[in-house]
Each structure stands twice: as C-alpha cells, then as structure tokens.
Amino acid sequence: MIKSVLISPIKRYLLTKKMFRVAKKVAQSKGKKLMVIGDPCSGNYFRFMSSMFPNCEHGDVTVDLYGCDDCNRMDINDVSSWKLFDDDTFVVMETGVLGFSKDVGAVLGQIKRVSGGDFFSAGGNRGLLWVRYLYKTYSNELIYSMDPFDSRKDVYYCGVKLGQNVSFYIKRNDSRVRFRIKF
C-alpha cells in the first residue's frame, strides 16, 4: 500500500524532474524546440505541491487538454491536431498524459514524427493498489500506466492497462494487461 500511495508518486516526481532536465539539455544541444506533454502547473497526483515544487516547466510548446493558459489545449488522441507540428522539430518530454491514449501506437507514431526520435517519458505511477484501484482517484479516464522511456537507450515503449485482475499483473508479460511498442 505504501508503494502505491507514497513511494511510486515520489519516485515518479523525481524521475520527471530528472527527465525534464535531460530533455531540455538535448533540445538545446540539437537546436530543437522542447515539447512538454502534460501541464506542469496542475497535472500530478499531489496537485497542491505543483506550484511549490514543480517537477518540470512548460516547453516551447506544452500540450494538455485541460492545461493552463500557457498550454496548447489539445487532445493527444486527435491525430489531426498533431498536424500543427512539423516533422523532427521537437524534443518531446511526456509526463504521464499518454496514459489517456485511446490508441497508444497512433499517438506514439505522431510523437516519433515530430520528435525525430528524441522522446523522454517519466512513466506513470505503479504499485498493485494503484494499477488496480487507486488510479480512479486521479481520473476515471486514465487507461494505462507507462514505463519510463529514454530514446537514447530504450527501444520499446511499454506500459500496463489499469483496472485489470490483480493476478494478471503478477504475470509480468501477460498481454491482457501489458503492451510493448517498438519506438
């Protein structure tokens, strides 16, 4: 229970902070813009902490359907809205919003197109209680919890489907709950 409620969110917070710094540095070194998927002002589980201790900043472009005034309010599932962004012009930092993807492969394809392969994700919260029940306390629309991803070393983008039978999660490679997409 402690892992689901405390350790996983804190670990994800610290990893998001680290990955954001890396993504920002990669964007600067490659002369690309930084795209952040997920509003840094309000998106994490402990929202009251976001203003005092943000885990990342806005990018040159920040995408979030329910984001603040600085965000491009875009549904990541709307493939046509991705056409606003040119190929290979961004380094993309994702903060857990891909858990709302209705078609992870299609959204990931657009991220790969606009990033040219420069993609970072801190992933989602984990722990059996989170993936089975507690995710509903955040949003009933959350579908997946993603694994962290660093395009400099990772080849596959992976995650688990939320709300499934606990026994499926124990079998780490059960295709009923786990997906793996080559990036």
N, C-alpha and C. Protein backbone atom coordinates (compact mmCIF):
# COMPACT_ATOMS: atom_id res chain seq x y z
N MET A 1 0.82 -1.19 0.00
CA MET A 1 0.00 0.00 0.00
C MET A 1 0.87 1.26 0.00
N ILE A 2 1.93 1.25 0.79
CA ILE A 2 2.81 2.42 0.87
C ILE A 2 3.43 2.71 -0.49
N LYS A 3 3.79 1.64 -1.22
CA LYS A 3 4.38 1.85 -2.56
C LYS A 3 3.39 2.56 -3.47
N SER A 4 2.14 2.13 -3.47
CA SER A 4 1.12 2.71 -4.35
C SER A 4 0.80 4.15 -4.00
N VAL A 5 0.76 4.46 -2.73
CA VAL A 5 0.30 5.78 -2.28
C VAL A 5 1.43 6.79 -2.15
N LEU A 6 2.58 6.36 -1.70
CA LEU A 6 3.67 7.30 -1.42
C LEU A 6 4.91 7.12 -2.29
N ILE A 7 5.48 5.94 -2.30
CA ILE A 7 6.77 5.73 -2.95
C ILE A 7 6.68 5.92 -4.45
N SER A 8 5.69 5.33 -5.10
CA SER A 8 5.57 5.44 -6.56
C SER A 8 5.39 6.88 -7.02
N PRO A 9 4.49 7.67 -6.42
CA PRO A 9 4.35 9.07 -6.85
C PRO A 9 5.61 9.90 -6.61
N ILE A 10 6.30 9.67 -5.49
CA ILE A 10 7.53 10.43 -5.21
C ILE A 10 8.62 10.03 -6.20
N LYS A 11 8.75 8.74 -6.46
CA LYS A 11 9.74 8.26 -7.43
C LYS A 11 9.45 8.86 -8.81
N ARG A 12 8.19 8.87 -9.19
CA ARG A 12 7.81 9.43 -10.49
C ARG A 12 8.08 10.94 -10.54
N TYR A 13 7.80 11.64 -9.46
CA TYR A 13 8.08 13.07 -9.37
C TYR A 13 9.57 13.33 -9.63
N LEU A 14 10.43 12.60 -8.93
CA LEU A 14 11.89 12.80 -9.07
C LEU A 14 12.37 12.42 -10.46
N LEU A 15 11.82 11.34 -11.01
CA LEU A 15 12.21 10.93 -12.36
C LEU A 15 11.75 11.95 -13.40
N THR A 16 10.55 12.51 -13.24
CA THR A 16 10.07 13.54 -14.16
C THR A 16 10.99 14.74 -14.12
N LYS A 17 11.39 15.14 -12.96
CA LYS A 17 12.30 16.28 -12.79
C LYS A 17 13.62 16.02 -13.52
N LYS A 18 14.15 14.82 -13.34
CA LYS A 18 15.42 14.44 -13.99
C LYS A 18 15.26 14.38 -15.52
N MET A 19 14.21 13.70 -15.98
CA MET A 19 14.00 13.54 -17.42
C MET A 19 13.76 14.89 -18.10
N PHE A 20 13.05 15.81 -17.41
CA PHE A 20 12.83 17.12 -17.98
C PHE A 20 14.16 17.85 -18.21
N ARG A 21 15.04 17.78 -17.21
CA ARG A 21 16.36 18.43 -17.37
C ARG A 21 17.11 17.85 -18.56
N VAL A 22 17.07 16.53 -18.70
CA VAL A 22 17.74 15.86 -19.81
C VAL A 22 17.12 16.29 -21.14
N ALA A 23 15.80 16.28 -21.23
CA ALA A 23 15.11 16.65 -22.47
C ALA A 23 15.43 18.09 -22.85
N LYS A 24 15.45 18.97 -21.88
CA LYS A 24 15.75 20.38 -22.14
C LYS A 24 17.18 20.54 -22.67
N LYS A 25 18.10 19.79 -22.07
CA LYS A 25 19.50 19.84 -22.50
C LYS A 25 19.66 19.28 -23.92
N VAL A 26 18.98 18.18 -24.22
CA VAL A 26 19.04 17.59 -25.56
C VAL A 26 18.46 18.57 -26.58
N ALA A 27 17.35 19.21 -26.25
CA ALA A 27 16.74 20.19 -27.16
C ALA A 27 17.72 21.33 -27.45
N GLN A 28 18.36 21.83 -26.43
CA GLN A 28 19.32 22.93 -26.62
C GLN A 28 20.50 22.48 -27.47
N SER A 29 21.02 21.29 -27.19
CA SER A 29 22.20 20.82 -27.93
C SER A 29 21.89 20.51 -29.39
N LYS A 30 20.66 20.12 -29.69
CA LYS A 30 20.28 19.79 -31.06
C LYS A 30 19.62 20.97 -31.78
N GLY A 31 19.43 22.07 -31.08
CA GLY A 31 18.79 23.23 -31.70
C GLY A 31 17.32 23.00 -32.03
N LYS A 32 16.66 22.17 -31.22
CA LYS A 32 15.24 21.88 -31.41
C LYS A 32 14.43 22.58 -30.33
N LYS A 33 13.14 22.69 -30.57
CA LYS A 33 12.22 23.19 -29.56
C LYS A 33 11.90 22.05 -28.60
N LEU A 34 11.45 22.41 -27.40
CA LEU A 34 11.05 21.42 -26.42
C LEU A 34 9.52 21.39 -26.34
N MET A 35 8.96 20.21 -26.52
CA MET A 35 7.52 20.00 -26.36
C MET A 35 7.31 19.21 -25.08
N VAL A 36 6.49 19.74 -24.19
CA VAL A 36 6.12 19.03 -22.97
C VAL A 36 4.67 18.59 -23.12
N ILE A 37 4.43 17.30 -22.93
CA ILE A 37 3.07 16.78 -22.97
C ILE A 37 2.64 16.57 -21.53
N GLY A 38 1.75 17.44 -21.07
CA GLY A 38 1.29 17.44 -19.69
C GLY A 38 1.56 18.78 -19.05
N ASP A 39 0.54 19.38 -18.49
CA ASP A 39 0.65 20.71 -17.88
C ASP A 39 1.45 20.63 -16.58
N PRO A 40 2.61 21.30 -16.52
CA PRO A 40 3.39 21.27 -15.29
C PRO A 40 2.75 22.04 -14.13
N CYS A 41 1.72 22.82 -14.42
CA CYS A 41 1.07 23.61 -13.37
C CYS A 41 0.09 22.80 -12.53
N SER A 42 -0.45 21.71 -13.08
CA SER A 42 -1.53 21.06 -12.34
C SER A 42 -1.64 19.56 -12.51
N GLY A 43 -0.80 18.92 -13.25
CA GLY A 43 -1.10 17.55 -13.65
C GLY A 43 -0.79 16.43 -12.70
N ASN A 44 -0.02 16.62 -11.64
CA ASN A 44 0.35 15.45 -10.87
C ASN A 44 -0.66 15.13 -9.77
N TYR A 45 -0.50 13.96 -9.18
CA TYR A 45 -1.44 13.45 -8.19
C TYR A 45 -1.54 14.36 -6.97
N PHE A 46 -0.40 14.90 -6.55
CA PHE A 46 -0.37 15.83 -5.43
C PHE A 46 -0.39 17.25 -5.98
N ARG A 47 -1.51 17.66 -6.53
CA ARG A 47 -1.64 18.96 -7.21
C ARG A 47 -1.25 20.14 -6.35
N PHE A 48 -1.53 20.07 -5.06
CA PHE A 48 -1.20 21.17 -4.18
C PHE A 48 0.32 21.41 -4.11
N MET A 49 1.11 20.41 -4.48
CA MET A 49 2.56 20.54 -4.45
C MET A 49 3.11 21.16 -5.74
N SER A 50 2.34 21.11 -6.82
CA SER A 50 2.85 21.54 -8.13
C SER A 50 3.34 22.97 -8.14
N SER A 51 2.63 23.87 -7.49
CA SER A 51 3.03 25.27 -7.53
C SER A 51 4.27 25.52 -6.68
N MET A 52 4.42 24.78 -5.59
CA MET A 52 5.57 24.97 -4.71
C MET A 52 6.81 24.23 -5.21
N PHE A 53 6.62 23.03 -5.72
CA PHE A 53 7.72 22.17 -6.14
C PHE A 53 7.42 21.56 -7.50
N PRO A 54 7.46 22.35 -8.57
CA PRO A 54 7.13 21.79 -9.89
C PRO A 54 8.15 20.72 -10.31
N ASN A 55 7.65 19.68 -10.97
CA ASN A 55 8.55 18.62 -11.42
C ASN A 55 9.12 18.91 -12.81
N CYS A 56 8.55 19.88 -13.51
CA CYS A 56 9.10 20.33 -14.79
C CYS A 56 8.53 21.71 -15.09
N GLU A 57 8.90 22.23 -16.23
CA GLU A 57 8.44 23.55 -16.66
C GLU A 57 7.67 23.40 -17.97
N HIS A 58 7.10 24.50 -18.41
CA HIS A 58 6.50 24.49 -19.74
C HIS A 58 7.61 24.38 -20.77
N GLY A 59 7.29 23.78 -21.90
CA GLY A 59 8.24 23.74 -23.00
C GLY A 59 7.98 24.92 -23.93
N ASP A 60 8.67 24.94 -25.07
CA ASP A 60 8.36 25.93 -26.09
C ASP A 60 6.91 25.75 -26.52
N VAL A 61 6.48 24.48 -26.51
CA VAL A 61 5.08 24.12 -26.72
C VAL A 61 4.72 23.15 -25.60
N THR A 62 3.61 23.39 -24.93
CA THR A 62 3.12 22.48 -23.90
C THR A 62 1.72 22.06 -24.29
N VAL A 63 1.51 20.75 -24.33
CA VAL A 63 0.24 20.18 -24.78
C VAL A 63 -0.47 19.54 -23.60
N ASP A 64 -1.71 19.96 -23.36
CA ASP A 64 -2.53 19.34 -22.33
C ASP A 64 -3.98 19.75 -22.58
N LEU A 65 -4.87 18.78 -22.67
CA LEU A 65 -6.26 19.05 -22.97
C LEU A 65 -6.90 20.00 -21.96
N TYR A 66 -6.54 19.88 -20.71
CA TYR A 66 -7.13 20.71 -19.66
C TYR A 66 -6.09 21.65 -19.05
N GLY A 67 -5.08 22.02 -19.82
CA GLY A 67 -3.97 22.80 -19.32
C GLY A 67 -4.30 24.25 -19.01
N CYS A 68 -3.30 24.93 -18.49
CA CYS A 68 -3.42 26.33 -18.12
C CYS A 68 -3.41 27.21 -19.38
N ASP A 69 -3.43 28.51 -19.20
CA ASP A 69 -3.46 29.44 -20.33
C ASP A 69 -2.20 29.39 -21.19
N ASP A 70 -1.09 28.89 -20.64
CA ASP A 70 0.15 28.77 -21.41
C ASP A 70 0.20 27.50 -22.26
N CYS A 71 -0.75 26.63 -22.07
CA CYS A 71 -0.76 25.35 -22.77
C CYS A 71 -1.52 25.41 -24.10
N ASN A 72 -1.12 24.56 -25.02
CA ASN A 72 -1.88 24.30 -26.23
C ASN A 72 -2.90 23.23 -25.82
N ARG A 73 -4.16 23.60 -25.72
CA ARG A 73 -5.19 22.67 -25.26
C ARG A 73 -5.57 21.74 -26.40
N MET A 74 -4.93 20.59 -26.40
CA MET A 74 -5.07 19.64 -27.49
C MET A 74 -5.31 18.26 -26.91
N ASP A 75 -6.21 17.53 -27.52
CA ASP A 75 -6.43 16.13 -27.16
C ASP A 75 -5.37 15.31 -27.88
N ILE A 76 -4.51 14.64 -27.14
CA ILE A 76 -3.44 13.86 -27.77
C ILE A 76 -3.99 12.76 -28.66
N ASN A 77 -5.24 12.37 -28.46
CA ASN A 77 -5.86 11.31 -29.26
C ASN A 77 -6.34 11.81 -30.63
N ASP A 78 -6.39 13.12 -30.82
CA ASP A 78 -6.84 13.70 -32.09
C ASP A 78 -5.65 13.81 -33.03
N VAL A 79 -5.47 12.79 -33.86
CA VAL A 79 -4.31 12.71 -34.74
C VAL A 79 -4.23 13.92 -35.67
N SER A 80 -5.37 14.47 -36.09
CA SER A 80 -5.35 15.63 -36.99
C SER A 80 -4.74 16.86 -36.33
N SER A 81 -4.88 17.00 -35.01
CA SER A 81 -4.29 18.17 -34.34
C SER A 81 -2.77 18.09 -34.27
N TRP A 82 -2.22 16.90 -34.39
CA TRP A 82 -0.76 16.74 -34.42
C TRP A 82 -0.17 17.35 -35.69
N LYS A 83 -1.00 17.51 -36.71
CA LYS A 83 -0.50 18.07 -37.98
C LYS A 83 -0.07 19.52 -37.85
N LEU A 84 -0.39 20.17 -36.74
CA LEU A 84 0.07 21.53 -36.48
C LEU A 84 1.58 21.59 -36.32
N PHE A 85 2.19 20.45 -36.02
CA PHE A 85 3.61 20.40 -35.70
C PHE A 85 4.41 19.72 -36.80
N ASP A 86 5.51 20.35 -37.19
CA ASP A 86 6.36 19.84 -38.26
C ASP A 86 7.18 18.63 -37.80
N ASP A 87 7.64 17.88 -38.79
CA ASP A 87 8.47 16.70 -38.53
C ASP A 87 9.81 17.09 -37.92
N ASP A 88 10.27 16.29 -36.98
CA ASP A 88 11.63 16.38 -36.42
C ASP A 88 12.02 17.78 -35.95
N THR A 89 11.09 18.48 -35.30
CA THR A 89 11.38 19.84 -34.83
C THR A 89 11.41 19.95 -33.31
N PHE A 90 11.04 18.89 -32.61
CA PHE A 90 10.94 18.94 -31.15
C PHE A 90 11.71 17.81 -30.48
N VAL A 91 12.12 18.06 -29.27
CA VAL A 91 12.43 17.02 -28.31
C VAL A 91 11.17 16.95 -27.46
N VAL A 92 10.62 15.75 -27.28
CA VAL A 92 9.35 15.60 -26.57
C VAL A 92 9.58 15.00 -25.19
N MET A 93 9.02 15.66 -24.19
CA MET A 93 9.02 15.18 -22.80
C MET A 93 7.58 14.94 -22.39
N GLU A 94 7.28 13.71 -22.02
CA GLU A 94 5.91 13.31 -21.67
C GLU A 94 5.84 13.05 -20.17
N THR A 95 4.81 13.56 -19.53
CA THR A 95 4.74 13.48 -18.07
C THR A 95 3.64 12.57 -17.53
N GLY A 96 3.18 11.62 -18.32
CA GLY A 96 2.16 10.69 -17.87
C GLY A 96 0.84 10.81 -18.61
N VAL A 97 0.73 11.79 -19.49
CA VAL A 97 -0.51 12.03 -20.23
C VAL A 97 -0.81 10.89 -21.21
N LEU A 98 0.22 10.18 -21.68
CA LEU A 98 -0.04 9.09 -22.62
C LEU A 98 -0.86 7.97 -22.00
N GLY A 99 -1.01 7.99 -20.69
CA GLY A 99 -1.89 7.05 -20.03
C GLY A 99 -3.35 7.24 -20.42
N PHE A 100 -3.67 8.39 -21.03
CA PHE A 100 -5.02 8.68 -21.50
C PHE A 100 -5.20 8.32 -22.98
N SER A 101 -4.17 7.73 -23.60
CA SER A 101 -4.23 7.40 -25.03
C SER A 101 -5.24 6.30 -25.30
N LYS A 102 -6.09 6.55 -26.28
CA LYS A 102 -7.03 5.52 -26.71
C LYS A 102 -6.36 4.58 -27.71
N ASP A 103 -5.35 5.10 -28.42
CA ASP A 103 -4.56 4.30 -29.35
C ASP A 103 -3.10 4.71 -29.17
N VAL A 104 -2.42 4.03 -28.25
CA VAL A 104 -1.05 4.38 -27.89
C VAL A 104 -0.15 4.37 -29.12
N GLY A 105 -0.33 3.39 -29.99
CA GLY A 105 0.51 3.29 -31.19
C GLY A 105 0.39 4.50 -32.10
N ALA A 106 -0.83 4.99 -32.30
CA ALA A 106 -1.04 6.17 -33.16
C ALA A 106 -0.43 7.42 -32.54
N VAL A 107 -0.65 7.61 -31.25
CA VAL A 107 -0.09 8.79 -30.57
C VAL A 107 1.43 8.72 -30.57
N LEU A 108 1.97 7.54 -30.29
CA LEU A 108 3.42 7.36 -30.30
C LEU A 108 4.00 7.61 -31.69
N GLY A 109 3.26 7.22 -32.72
CA GLY A 109 3.70 7.49 -34.09
C GLY A 109 3.83 8.98 -34.37
N GLN A 110 2.89 9.76 -33.85
CA GLN A 110 2.95 11.22 -34.02
C GLN A 110 4.10 11.82 -33.21
N ILE A 111 4.31 11.29 -32.02
CA ILE A 111 5.44 11.76 -31.21
C ILE A 111 6.76 11.46 -31.92
N LYS A 112 6.86 10.28 -32.47
CA LYS A 112 8.09 9.92 -33.19
C LYS A 112 8.29 10.84 -34.39
N ARG A 113 7.21 11.17 -35.08
CA ARG A 113 7.30 12.04 -36.26
C ARG A 113 7.77 13.44 -35.88
N VAL A 114 7.15 14.04 -34.87
CA VAL A 114 7.50 15.43 -34.52
C VAL A 114 8.84 15.52 -33.79
N SER A 115 9.25 14.41 -33.17
CA SER A 115 10.49 14.42 -32.39
C SER A 115 11.69 13.90 -33.18
N GLY A 116 11.43 13.23 -34.28
CA GLY A 116 12.53 12.59 -34.98
C GLY A 116 13.21 11.52 -34.13
N GLY A 117 12.53 11.09 -33.09
CA GLY A 117 13.07 10.04 -32.22
C GLY A 117 13.59 10.54 -30.88
N ASP A 118 13.57 11.84 -30.63
CA ASP A 118 14.05 12.39 -29.35
C ASP A 118 12.88 12.48 -28.39
N PHE A 119 12.68 11.43 -27.59
CA PHE A 119 11.50 11.31 -26.74
C PHE A 119 11.87 10.80 -25.36
N PHE A 120 11.30 11.44 -24.34
CA PHE A 120 11.54 11.07 -22.95
C PHE A 120 10.20 11.00 -22.23
N SER A 121 10.06 10.01 -21.34
CA SER A 121 8.84 9.88 -20.54
C SER A 121 9.22 9.37 -19.16
N ALA A 122 8.66 10.01 -18.15
CA ALA A 122 8.90 9.56 -16.77
C ALA A 122 7.98 8.40 -16.40
N GLY A 123 7.03 8.08 -17.26
CA GLY A 123 6.12 6.98 -16.98
C GLY A 123 5.03 7.36 -16.00
N GLY A 124 4.30 6.36 -15.55
CA GLY A 124 3.19 6.60 -14.64
C GLY A 124 3.43 5.97 -13.28
N ASN A 125 2.48 6.15 -12.39
CA ASN A 125 2.57 5.56 -11.06
C ASN A 125 2.39 4.06 -11.14
N ARG A 126 2.97 3.34 -10.18
CA ARG A 126 2.84 1.88 -10.12
C ARG A 126 2.51 1.43 -8.71
N GLY A 127 2.49 0.16 -8.54
CA GLY A 127 2.08 -0.46 -7.30
C GLY A 127 0.74 -1.13 -7.56
N LEU A 128 0.54 -2.34 -7.02
CA LEU A 128 -0.68 -3.10 -7.31
C LEU A 128 -1.95 -2.34 -6.96
N LEU A 129 -1.96 -1.65 -5.85
CA LEU A 129 -3.17 -0.91 -5.49
C LEU A 129 -3.45 0.22 -6.48
N TRP A 130 -2.39 0.90 -6.95
CA TRP A 130 -2.57 1.99 -7.92
C TRP A 130 -3.14 1.44 -9.22
N VAL A 131 -2.49 0.41 -9.79
CA VAL A 131 -2.91 -0.07 -11.12
C VAL A 131 -4.25 -0.80 -11.08
N ARG A 132 -4.64 -1.27 -9.91
CA ARG A 132 -5.92 -1.98 -9.81
C ARG A 132 -7.07 -1.05 -9.40
N TYR A 133 -6.83 -0.14 -8.42
CA TYR A 133 -7.92 0.66 -7.88
C TYR A 133 -7.66 2.16 -7.78
N LEU A 134 -6.53 2.53 -7.23
CA LEU A 134 -6.31 3.92 -6.84
C LEU A 134 -6.21 4.91 -8.01
N TYR A 135 -5.91 4.43 -9.21
CA TYR A 135 -5.85 5.34 -10.36
C TYR A 135 -7.18 6.07 -10.54
N LYS A 136 -8.28 5.44 -10.11
CA LYS A 136 -9.61 6.06 -10.24
C LYS A 136 -9.74 7.31 -9.38
N THR A 137 -8.91 7.42 -8.34
CA THR A 137 -8.95 8.62 -7.51
C THR A 137 -8.32 9.80 -8.24
N TYR A 138 -7.56 9.52 -9.30
CA TYR A 138 -6.97 10.57 -10.13
C TYR A 138 -7.89 10.90 -11.29
N SER A 139 -8.28 9.87 -12.06
CA SER A 139 -9.18 10.07 -13.20
C SER A 139 -9.76 8.75 -13.65
N ASN A 140 -11.05 8.73 -13.90
CA ASN A 140 -11.69 7.54 -14.47
C ASN A 140 -11.35 7.35 -15.93
N GLU A 141 -10.76 8.37 -16.55
CA GLU A 141 -10.41 8.29 -17.97
C GLU A 141 -9.00 7.76 -18.21
N LEU A 142 -8.23 7.58 -17.14
CA LEU A 142 -6.87 7.05 -17.26
C LEU A 142 -6.95 5.58 -17.65
N ILE A 143 -6.23 5.21 -18.71
CA ILE A 143 -6.31 3.86 -19.25
C ILE A 143 -5.07 3.03 -18.94
N TYR A 144 -3.89 3.66 -18.99
CA TYR A 144 -2.61 2.96 -18.86
C TYR A 144 -1.71 3.64 -17.84
N SER A 145 -0.76 2.88 -17.36
CA SER A 145 0.38 3.42 -16.64
C SER A 145 1.61 3.00 -17.43
N MET A 146 2.38 3.98 -17.88
CA MET A 146 3.51 3.71 -18.75
C MET A 146 4.80 3.50 -17.96
N ASP A 147 5.73 2.78 -18.58
CA ASP A 147 7.07 2.65 -18.04
C ASP A 147 7.87 3.88 -18.44
N PRO A 148 8.89 4.24 -17.66
CA PRO A 148 9.76 5.33 -18.10
C PRO A 148 10.42 4.98 -19.45
N PHE A 149 10.74 6.02 -20.23
CA PHE A 149 11.33 5.80 -21.55
C PHE A 149 12.35 6.89 -21.84
N ASP A 150 13.52 6.49 -22.32
CA ASP A 150 14.59 7.39 -22.72
C ASP A 150 15.05 6.94 -24.10
N SER A 151 14.73 7.71 -25.12
CA SER A 151 15.00 7.29 -26.50
C SER A 151 16.49 7.13 -26.80
N ARG A 152 17.35 7.62 -25.95
CA ARG A 152 18.79 7.44 -26.16
C ARG A 152 19.22 6.02 -25.88
N LYS A 153 18.42 5.27 -25.09
CA LYS A 153 18.82 3.91 -24.74
C LYS A 153 17.71 2.88 -24.86
N ASP A 154 16.43 3.30 -24.81
CA ASP A 154 15.32 2.35 -24.86
C ASP A 154 14.83 2.17 -26.29
N VAL A 155 14.39 0.97 -26.60
CA VAL A 155 13.86 0.66 -27.93
C VAL A 155 12.34 0.48 -27.88
N TYR A 156 11.84 -0.07 -26.78
CA TYR A 156 10.41 -0.36 -26.66
C TYR A 156 9.76 0.54 -25.61
N TYR A 157 8.59 1.05 -25.96
CA TYR A 157 7.76 1.84 -25.05
C TYR A 157 6.72 0.88 -24.48
N CYS A 158 6.69 0.74 -23.17
CA CYS A 158 5.86 -0.27 -22.53
C CYS A 158 4.95 0.34 -21.47
N GLY A 159 3.92 -0.40 -21.12
CA GLY A 159 3.03 0.03 -20.06
C GLY A 159 2.06 -1.07 -19.69
N VAL A 160 1.19 -0.77 -18.73
CA VAL A 160 0.17 -1.72 -18.30
C VAL A 160 -1.19 -1.07 -18.37
N LYS A 161 -2.19 -1.88 -18.66
CA LYS A 161 -3.57 -1.41 -18.67
C LYS A 161 -4.07 -1.40 -17.23
N LEU A 162 -4.71 -0.32 -16.83
CA LEU A 162 -5.17 -0.16 -15.46
C LEU A 162 -6.49 -0.87 -15.22
N GLY A 163 -6.73 -1.25 -13.95
CA GLY A 163 -8.01 -1.80 -13.53
C GLY A 163 -8.25 -3.26 -13.84
N GLN A 164 -7.21 -4.00 -14.17
CA GLN A 164 -7.36 -5.41 -14.51
C GLN A 164 -7.27 -6.30 -13.28
N ASN A 165 -7.58 -7.56 -13.44
CA ASN A 165 -7.49 -8.54 -12.37
C ASN A 165 -6.06 -8.57 -11.83
N VAL A 166 -5.90 -8.55 -10.53
CA VAL A 166 -4.58 -8.50 -9.90
C VAL A 166 -3.68 -9.64 -10.36
N SER A 167 -4.24 -10.82 -10.57
CA SER A 167 -3.40 -11.96 -10.98
C SER A 167 -2.73 -11.71 -12.33
N PHE A 168 -3.32 -10.89 -13.19
CA PHE A 168 -2.70 -10.58 -14.48
C PHE A 168 -1.41 -9.78 -14.28
N TYR A 169 -1.38 -8.89 -13.28
CA TYR A 169 -0.21 -8.06 -13.03
C TYR A 169 0.96 -8.86 -12.50
N ILE A 170 0.65 -9.93 -11.79
CA ILE A 170 1.71 -10.76 -11.21
C ILE A 170 2.50 -11.44 -12.33
N LYS A 171 1.81 -11.82 -13.40
CA LYS A 171 2.49 -12.38 -14.57
C LYS A 171 2.97 -11.20 -15.41
N ARG A 172 4.23 -10.81 -15.26
CA ARG A 172 4.78 -9.56 -15.80
C ARG A 172 4.56 -9.38 -17.30
N ASN A 173 4.44 -10.45 -18.07
CA ASN A 173 4.33 -10.30 -19.52
C ASN A 173 2.96 -10.70 -20.06
N ASP A 174 1.95 -10.68 -19.22
CA ASP A 174 0.61 -11.04 -19.65
C ASP A 174 0.07 -9.99 -20.61
N SER A 175 -0.23 -10.42 -21.84
CA SER A 175 -0.65 -9.47 -22.88
C SER A 175 -2.03 -8.86 -22.61
N ARG A 176 -2.78 -9.41 -21.66
CA ARG A 176 -4.06 -8.80 -21.32
C ARG A 176 -3.89 -7.46 -20.61
N VAL A 177 -2.74 -7.27 -19.98
CA VAL A 177 -2.52 -6.02 -19.25
C VAL A 177 -1.30 -5.26 -19.74
N ARG A 178 -0.35 -5.92 -20.34
CA ARG A 178 0.91 -5.30 -20.69
C ARG A 178 1.00 -5.08 -22.20
N PHE A 179 1.55 -3.93 -22.62
CA PHE A 179 1.82 -3.72 -24.02
C PHE A 179 3.26 -3.29 -24.20
N ARG A 180 3.76 -3.50 -25.42
CA ARG A 180 5.15 -3.19 -25.74
C ARG A 180 5.17 -2.76 -27.20
N ILE A 181 5.54 -1.50 -27.46
CA ILE A 181 5.54 -0.96 -28.82
C ILE A 181 6.95 -0.49 -29.17
N LYS A 182 7.44 -0.95 -30.29
CA LYS A 182 8.79 -0.52 -30.72
C LYS A 182 8.74 0.95 -31.12
N PHE A 183 9.65 1.73 -30.54
CA PHE A 183 9.73 3.15 -30.88
C PHE A 183 10.80 3.30 -31.93
